[in-house]
Amino acid sequence: MHPEKYGEVVRNSGFAGERFKNRPEIVRAVSAVLTVFGISMIFFLPDDTAMEKLRKAGWTLLTAGGLSNTLDRLVRHYVVDYIPRGRYVYNLGDFAIGAGTAGFVAGTVLDRNEEVS
């Protein structure tokens, strides 16, 4: 399931798990559109309460990881992965996406719990 390997570094030309690796133009276009959307959303998310700040920080981290991978795709035409974990190989941008997603979801769920109480 690993993308093409070059030593400890993996060149992944698709999405996670090599999805759409044979359609790099689609991968680059979707990545660019999602990254622009992610960056623009940072300016629209409220940050008045602690949970809104957590949600916005999570979204910002998620977007930063996505931007890193998108720049790899646009410049190199593949994402450089170099941290092996189980069946897959990741990069720091992937961990930022995961941590940002967790922060965004936590901020959303905790904010909704406060509204219910």
N, C-alpha and C. Protein backbone atom coordinates (compact mmCIF):
# COMPACT_ATOMS: atom_id res chain seq x y z
N MET A 1 0.82 -1.20 0.00
CA MET A 1 0.00 0.00 0.00
C MET A 1 0.86 1.26 0.00
N HIS A 2 2.15 1.11 0.15
CA HIS A 2 3.05 2.27 0.15
C HIS A 2 3.19 2.83 -1.25
N PRO A 3 3.25 4.18 -1.36
CA PRO A 3 3.59 4.77 -2.66
C PRO A 3 5.02 4.39 -3.05
N GLU A 4 5.39 4.79 -4.23
CA GLU A 4 6.73 4.50 -4.72
C GLU A 4 7.78 5.00 -3.74
N LYS A 5 8.72 4.12 -3.34
CA LYS A 5 9.68 4.47 -2.30
C LYS A 5 11.03 4.84 -2.89
N TYR A 6 11.69 5.79 -2.25
CA TYR A 6 13.05 6.19 -2.57
C TYR A 6 13.79 6.28 -1.25
N GLY A 7 14.36 5.18 -0.78
CA GLY A 7 15.00 5.16 0.54
C GLY A 7 13.94 5.30 1.61
N GLU A 8 14.14 6.21 2.53
CA GLU A 8 13.17 6.47 3.58
C GLU A 8 12.13 7.49 3.17
N VAL A 9 12.31 8.11 2.04
CA VAL A 9 11.39 9.15 1.57
C VAL A 9 10.42 8.52 0.57
N VAL A 10 9.14 8.88 0.68
CA VAL A 10 8.12 8.37 -0.22
C VAL A 10 7.57 9.53 -1.03
N ARG A 11 7.45 9.32 -2.32
CA ARG A 11 6.86 10.32 -3.21
C ARG A 11 5.43 9.89 -3.51
N ASN A 12 4.50 10.62 -2.99
CA ASN A 12 3.09 10.28 -3.16
C ASN A 12 2.45 11.28 -4.11
N SER A 13 2.07 10.83 -5.30
CA SER A 13 1.47 11.75 -6.27
C SER A 13 -0.05 11.78 -6.22
N GLY A 14 -0.65 11.06 -5.29
CA GLY A 14 -2.10 11.08 -5.14
C GLY A 14 -2.52 11.66 -3.81
N PHE A 15 -3.78 11.43 -3.47
CA PHE A 15 -4.26 11.78 -2.14
C PHE A 15 -3.81 10.68 -1.18
N ALA A 16 -4.29 10.72 0.04
CA ALA A 16 -3.94 9.72 1.04
C ALA A 16 -4.17 8.32 0.47
N GLY A 17 -3.22 7.43 0.71
CA GLY A 17 -3.34 6.07 0.21
C GLY A 17 -3.23 5.96 -1.30
N GLU A 18 -2.62 6.94 -1.93
CA GLU A 18 -2.38 6.99 -3.38
C GLU A 18 -3.65 7.12 -4.22
N ARG A 19 -4.75 7.53 -3.62
CA ARG A 19 -5.98 7.68 -4.40
C ARG A 19 -5.77 8.75 -5.48
N PHE A 20 -6.21 8.45 -6.67
CA PHE A 20 -6.12 9.34 -7.84
C PHE A 20 -4.68 9.62 -8.26
N LYS A 21 -3.75 8.74 -7.93
CA LYS A 21 -2.35 8.99 -8.32
C LYS A 21 -2.17 9.03 -9.83
N ASN A 22 -3.06 8.41 -10.57
CA ASN A 22 -2.97 8.43 -12.02
C ASN A 22 -3.65 9.66 -12.63
N ARG A 23 -4.21 10.51 -11.78
CA ARG A 23 -4.85 11.74 -12.23
C ARG A 23 -4.28 12.94 -11.46
N PRO A 24 -2.99 13.20 -11.61
CA PRO A 24 -2.35 14.26 -10.81
C PRO A 24 -2.94 15.64 -11.03
N GLU A 25 -3.50 15.90 -12.20
CA GLU A 25 -4.10 17.22 -12.44
C GLU A 25 -5.33 17.42 -11.56
N ILE A 26 -6.08 16.36 -11.33
CA ILE A 26 -7.23 16.44 -10.44
C ILE A 26 -6.77 16.64 -9.00
N VAL A 27 -5.74 15.91 -8.61
CA VAL A 27 -5.20 16.02 -7.24
C VAL A 27 -4.72 17.45 -6.98
N ARG A 28 -3.97 18.01 -7.92
CA ARG A 28 -3.47 19.38 -7.75
C ARG A 28 -4.60 20.39 -7.71
N ALA A 29 -5.57 20.25 -8.60
CA ALA A 29 -6.69 21.21 -8.66
C ALA A 29 -7.53 21.15 -7.39
N VAL A 30 -7.88 19.96 -6.96
CA VAL A 30 -8.71 19.82 -5.74
C VAL A 30 -7.94 20.35 -4.54
N SER A 31 -6.65 20.02 -4.45
CA SER A 31 -5.83 20.52 -3.34
C SER A 31 -5.79 22.04 -3.32
N ALA A 32 -5.60 22.65 -4.48
CA ALA A 32 -5.52 24.11 -4.55
C ALA A 32 -6.85 24.75 -4.15
N VAL A 33 -7.95 24.23 -4.64
CA VAL A 33 -9.27 24.79 -4.32
C VAL A 33 -9.55 24.65 -2.82
N LEU A 34 -9.29 23.48 -2.26
CA LEU A 34 -9.54 23.28 -0.83
C LEU A 34 -8.64 24.16 0.03
N THR A 35 -7.41 24.37 -0.40
CA THR A 35 -6.50 25.23 0.35
C THR A 35 -6.96 26.68 0.33
N VAL A 36 -7.38 27.17 -0.82
CA VAL A 36 -7.90 28.54 -0.91
C VAL A 36 -9.15 28.68 -0.04
N PHE A 37 -10.02 27.69 -0.08
CA PHE A 37 -11.21 27.70 0.77
C PHE A 37 -10.81 27.72 2.25
N GLY A 38 -9.86 26.87 2.62
CA GLY A 38 -9.40 26.81 4.02
C GLY A 38 -8.83 28.12 4.50
N ILE A 39 -8.01 28.74 3.68
CA ILE A 39 -7.40 30.02 4.06
C ILE A 39 -8.48 31.09 4.20
N SER A 40 -9.42 31.15 3.26
CA SER A 40 -10.45 32.18 3.34
C SER A 40 -11.35 31.98 4.56
N MET A 41 -11.62 30.75 4.94
CA MET A 41 -12.47 30.47 6.10
C MET A 41 -11.84 30.97 7.40
N ILE A 42 -10.53 31.02 7.47
CA ILE A 42 -9.86 31.51 8.68
C ILE A 42 -10.35 32.91 9.02
N PHE A 43 -10.58 33.72 8.00
CA PHE A 43 -11.00 35.11 8.23
C PHE A 43 -12.47 35.24 8.62
N PHE A 44 -13.27 34.21 8.34
CA PHE A 44 -14.70 34.27 8.63
C PHE A 44 -15.10 33.57 9.92
N LEU A 45 -14.24 32.70 10.44
CA LEU A 45 -14.58 31.99 11.68
C LEU A 45 -14.52 32.95 12.86
N PRO A 46 -15.55 32.96 13.69
CA PRO A 46 -15.53 33.84 14.86
C PRO A 46 -14.51 33.35 15.89
N ASP A 47 -14.04 34.25 16.72
CA ASP A 47 -13.09 33.86 17.78
C ASP A 47 -13.35 34.63 19.06
N ASP A 48 -14.62 34.76 19.42
CA ASP A 48 -15.00 35.51 20.62
C ASP A 48 -14.89 34.68 21.89
N THR A 49 -15.27 33.40 21.82
CA THR A 49 -15.23 32.55 23.02
C THR A 49 -14.02 31.62 22.95
N ALA A 50 -13.74 30.96 24.05
CA ALA A 50 -12.61 30.02 24.10
C ALA A 50 -12.80 28.88 23.11
N MET A 51 -14.02 28.37 22.99
CA MET A 51 -14.28 27.26 22.07
C MET A 51 -14.18 27.71 20.62
N GLU A 52 -14.59 28.93 20.33
CA GLU A 52 -14.43 29.46 18.98
C GLU A 52 -12.95 29.65 18.65
N LYS A 53 -12.18 30.07 19.64
CA LYS A 53 -10.72 30.20 19.43
C LYS A 53 -10.09 28.84 19.18
N LEU A 54 -10.53 27.81 19.92
CA LEU A 54 -10.02 26.45 19.71
C LEU A 54 -10.39 25.97 18.32
N ARG A 55 -11.63 26.20 17.92
CA ARG A 55 -12.08 25.79 16.59
C ARG A 55 -11.28 26.52 15.50
N LYS A 56 -11.07 27.81 15.66
CA LYS A 56 -10.32 28.59 14.67
C LYS A 56 -8.86 28.16 14.63
N ALA A 57 -8.26 27.90 15.78
CA ALA A 57 -6.87 27.42 15.83
C ALA A 57 -6.76 26.07 15.14
N GLY A 58 -7.73 25.19 15.38
CA GLY A 58 -7.73 23.89 14.72
C GLY A 58 -7.84 24.03 13.22
N TRP A 59 -8.76 24.89 12.77
CA TRP A 59 -8.93 25.12 11.34
C TRP A 59 -7.65 25.69 10.72
N THR A 60 -7.00 26.60 11.43
CA THR A 60 -5.77 27.20 10.92
C THR A 60 -4.67 26.16 10.79
N LEU A 61 -4.54 25.28 11.79
CA LEU A 61 -3.53 24.21 11.74
C LEU A 61 -3.84 23.23 10.61
N LEU A 62 -5.10 22.87 10.47
CA LEU A 62 -5.53 21.99 9.39
C LEU A 62 -5.18 22.61 8.04
N THR A 63 -5.48 23.88 7.87
CA THR A 63 -5.20 24.57 6.62
C THR A 63 -3.70 24.68 6.35
N ALA A 64 -2.92 24.92 7.39
CA ALA A 64 -1.46 25.01 7.22
C ALA A 64 -0.89 23.68 6.73
N GLY A 65 -1.36 22.59 7.30
CA GLY A 65 -0.92 21.27 6.83
C GLY A 65 -1.33 21.03 5.39
N GLY A 66 -2.56 21.42 5.06
CA GLY A 66 -3.02 21.28 3.69
C GLY A 66 -2.23 22.16 2.72
N LEU A 67 -1.89 23.37 3.15
CA LEU A 67 -1.09 24.26 2.32
C LEU A 67 0.28 23.66 2.04
N SER A 68 0.88 23.07 3.05
CA SER A 68 2.19 22.42 2.88
C SER A 68 2.12 21.33 1.82
N ASN A 69 1.11 20.48 1.92
CA ASN A 69 0.96 19.40 0.94
C ASN A 69 0.61 19.94 -0.44
N THR A 70 -0.21 20.98 -0.50
CA THR A 70 -0.58 21.57 -1.78
C THR A 70 0.63 22.18 -2.47
N LEU A 71 1.46 22.88 -1.71
CA LEU A 71 2.68 23.45 -2.31
C LEU A 71 3.58 22.35 -2.86
N ASP A 72 3.71 21.24 -2.13
CA ASP A 72 4.47 20.10 -2.66
C ASP A 72 3.87 19.63 -3.98
N ARG A 73 2.56 19.49 -4.03
CA ARG A 73 1.90 19.00 -5.24
C ARG A 73 2.09 19.97 -6.42
N LEU A 74 2.02 21.27 -6.15
CA LEU A 74 2.14 22.25 -7.23
C LEU A 74 3.57 22.41 -7.72
N VAL A 75 4.52 22.35 -6.79
CA VAL A 75 5.93 22.57 -7.15
C VAL A 75 6.61 21.28 -7.61
N ARG A 76 6.47 20.22 -6.81
CA ARG A 76 7.16 18.96 -7.11
C ARG A 76 6.31 17.98 -7.90
N HIS A 77 5.00 18.15 -7.88
CA HIS A 77 4.03 17.24 -8.47
C HIS A 77 3.86 15.96 -7.65
N TYR A 78 4.31 15.98 -6.42
CA TYR A 78 4.09 14.89 -5.47
C TYR A 78 4.33 15.43 -4.08
N VAL A 79 3.80 14.73 -3.09
CA VAL A 79 4.01 15.09 -1.69
C VAL A 79 5.12 14.21 -1.15
N VAL A 80 6.05 14.81 -0.45
CA VAL A 80 7.15 14.07 0.15
C VAL A 80 6.73 13.59 1.54
N ASP A 81 6.65 12.29 1.72
CA ASP A 81 6.32 11.68 3.00
C ASP A 81 7.56 10.98 3.53
N TYR A 82 7.79 11.08 4.84
CA TYR A 82 9.05 10.58 5.40
C TYR A 82 8.92 10.05 6.82
N ILE A 83 7.71 9.93 7.36
CA ILE A 83 7.52 9.42 8.72
C ILE A 83 6.68 8.15 8.62
N PRO A 84 7.32 6.96 8.66
CA PRO A 84 6.56 5.72 8.56
C PRO A 84 5.78 5.43 9.84
N ARG A 85 4.51 5.11 9.69
CA ARG A 85 3.64 4.73 10.81
C ARG A 85 2.71 3.64 10.29
N GLY A 86 2.95 2.41 10.67
CA GLY A 86 2.10 1.31 10.21
C GLY A 86 2.19 1.11 8.72
N ARG A 87 1.04 1.05 8.06
CA ARG A 87 1.00 0.78 6.62
C ARG A 87 1.31 2.00 5.77
N TYR A 88 1.31 3.18 6.36
CA TYR A 88 1.45 4.40 5.59
C TYR A 88 2.68 5.20 6.01
N VAL A 89 3.00 6.18 5.19
CA VAL A 89 4.10 7.09 5.47
C VAL A 89 3.52 8.51 5.42
N TYR A 90 3.88 9.33 6.39
CA TYR A 90 3.30 10.66 6.55
C TYR A 90 4.39 11.72 6.50
N ASN A 91 3.95 13.00 6.53
CA ASN A 91 4.87 14.11 6.71
C ASN A 91 4.29 15.01 7.81
N LEU A 92 5.00 16.05 8.17
CA LEU A 92 4.52 16.93 9.25
C LEU A 92 3.19 17.60 8.89
N GLY A 93 3.00 17.91 7.62
CA GLY A 93 1.74 18.51 7.19
C GLY A 93 0.56 17.59 7.50
N ASP A 94 0.75 16.29 7.32
CA ASP A 94 -0.32 15.34 7.62
C ASP A 94 -0.67 15.35 9.10
N PHE A 95 0.33 15.44 9.97
CA PHE A 95 0.07 15.50 11.40
C PHE A 95 -0.61 16.82 11.78
N ALA A 96 -0.26 17.90 11.09
CA ALA A 96 -0.93 19.18 11.33
C ALA A 96 -2.40 19.09 10.93
N ILE A 97 -2.67 18.41 9.82
CA ILE A 97 -4.05 18.22 9.39
C ILE A 97 -4.82 17.42 10.44
N GLY A 98 -4.22 16.35 10.95
CA GLY A 98 -4.87 15.54 11.97
C GLY A 98 -5.11 16.29 13.26
N ALA A 99 -4.09 17.00 13.73
CA ALA A 99 -4.22 17.77 14.98
C ALA A 99 -5.22 18.91 14.81
N GLY A 100 -5.18 19.56 13.65
CA GLY A 100 -6.12 20.65 13.40
C GLY A 100 -7.54 20.16 13.32
N THR A 101 -7.75 19.03 12.71
CA THR A 101 -9.09 18.43 12.65
C THR A 101 -9.59 18.13 14.06
N ALA A 102 -8.71 17.55 14.89
CA ALA A 102 -9.09 17.24 16.27
C ALA A 102 -9.46 18.51 17.03
N GLY A 103 -8.69 19.58 16.86
CA GLY A 103 -8.98 20.84 17.53
C GLY A 103 -10.27 21.46 17.05
N PHE A 104 -10.51 21.42 15.75
CA PHE A 104 -11.74 21.98 15.19
C PHE A 104 -12.95 21.21 15.69
N VAL A 105 -12.88 19.88 15.66
CA VAL A 105 -14.00 19.06 16.12
C VAL A 105 -14.22 19.26 17.62
N ALA A 106 -13.14 19.28 18.39
CA ALA A 106 -13.27 19.48 19.85
C ALA A 106 -13.92 20.83 20.15
N GLY A 107 -13.48 21.88 19.49
CA GLY A 107 -14.07 23.19 19.70
C GLY A 107 -15.54 23.23 19.33
N THR A 108 -15.90 22.53 18.26
CA THR A 108 -17.29 22.48 17.81
C THR A 108 -18.15 21.70 18.80
N VAL A 109 -17.70 20.53 19.20
CA VAL A 109 -18.47 19.68 20.11
C VAL A 109 -18.59 20.34 21.48
N LEU A 110 -17.50 20.85 22.00
CA LEU A 110 -17.54 21.47 23.33
C LEU A 110 -18.40 22.74 23.32
N ASP A 111 -18.36 23.48 22.22
CA ASP A 111 -19.18 24.68 22.11
C ASP A 111 -20.66 24.31 22.10
N ARG A 112 -21.00 23.27 21.38
CA ARG A 112 -22.40 22.81 21.34
C ARG A 112 -22.84 22.29 22.70
N ASN A 113 -21.93 21.63 23.42
CA ASN A 113 -22.27 21.14 24.77
C ASN A 113 -22.54 22.30 25.71
N GLU A 114 -21.79 23.40 25.58
CA GLU A 114 -22.02 24.58 26.42
C GLU A 114 -23.38 25.19 26.12
N GLU A 115 -23.80 25.19 24.85
CA GLU A 115 -25.09 25.75 24.46
C GLU A 115 -26.24 24.94 25.05
N VAL A 116 -26.06 23.62 25.14
CA VAL A 116 -27.11 22.73 25.65
C VAL A 116 -27.27 22.89 27.17
N SER A 117 -26.17 23.11 27.85
CA SER A 117 -26.21 23.19 29.32
C SER A 117 -26.99 24.36 29.83
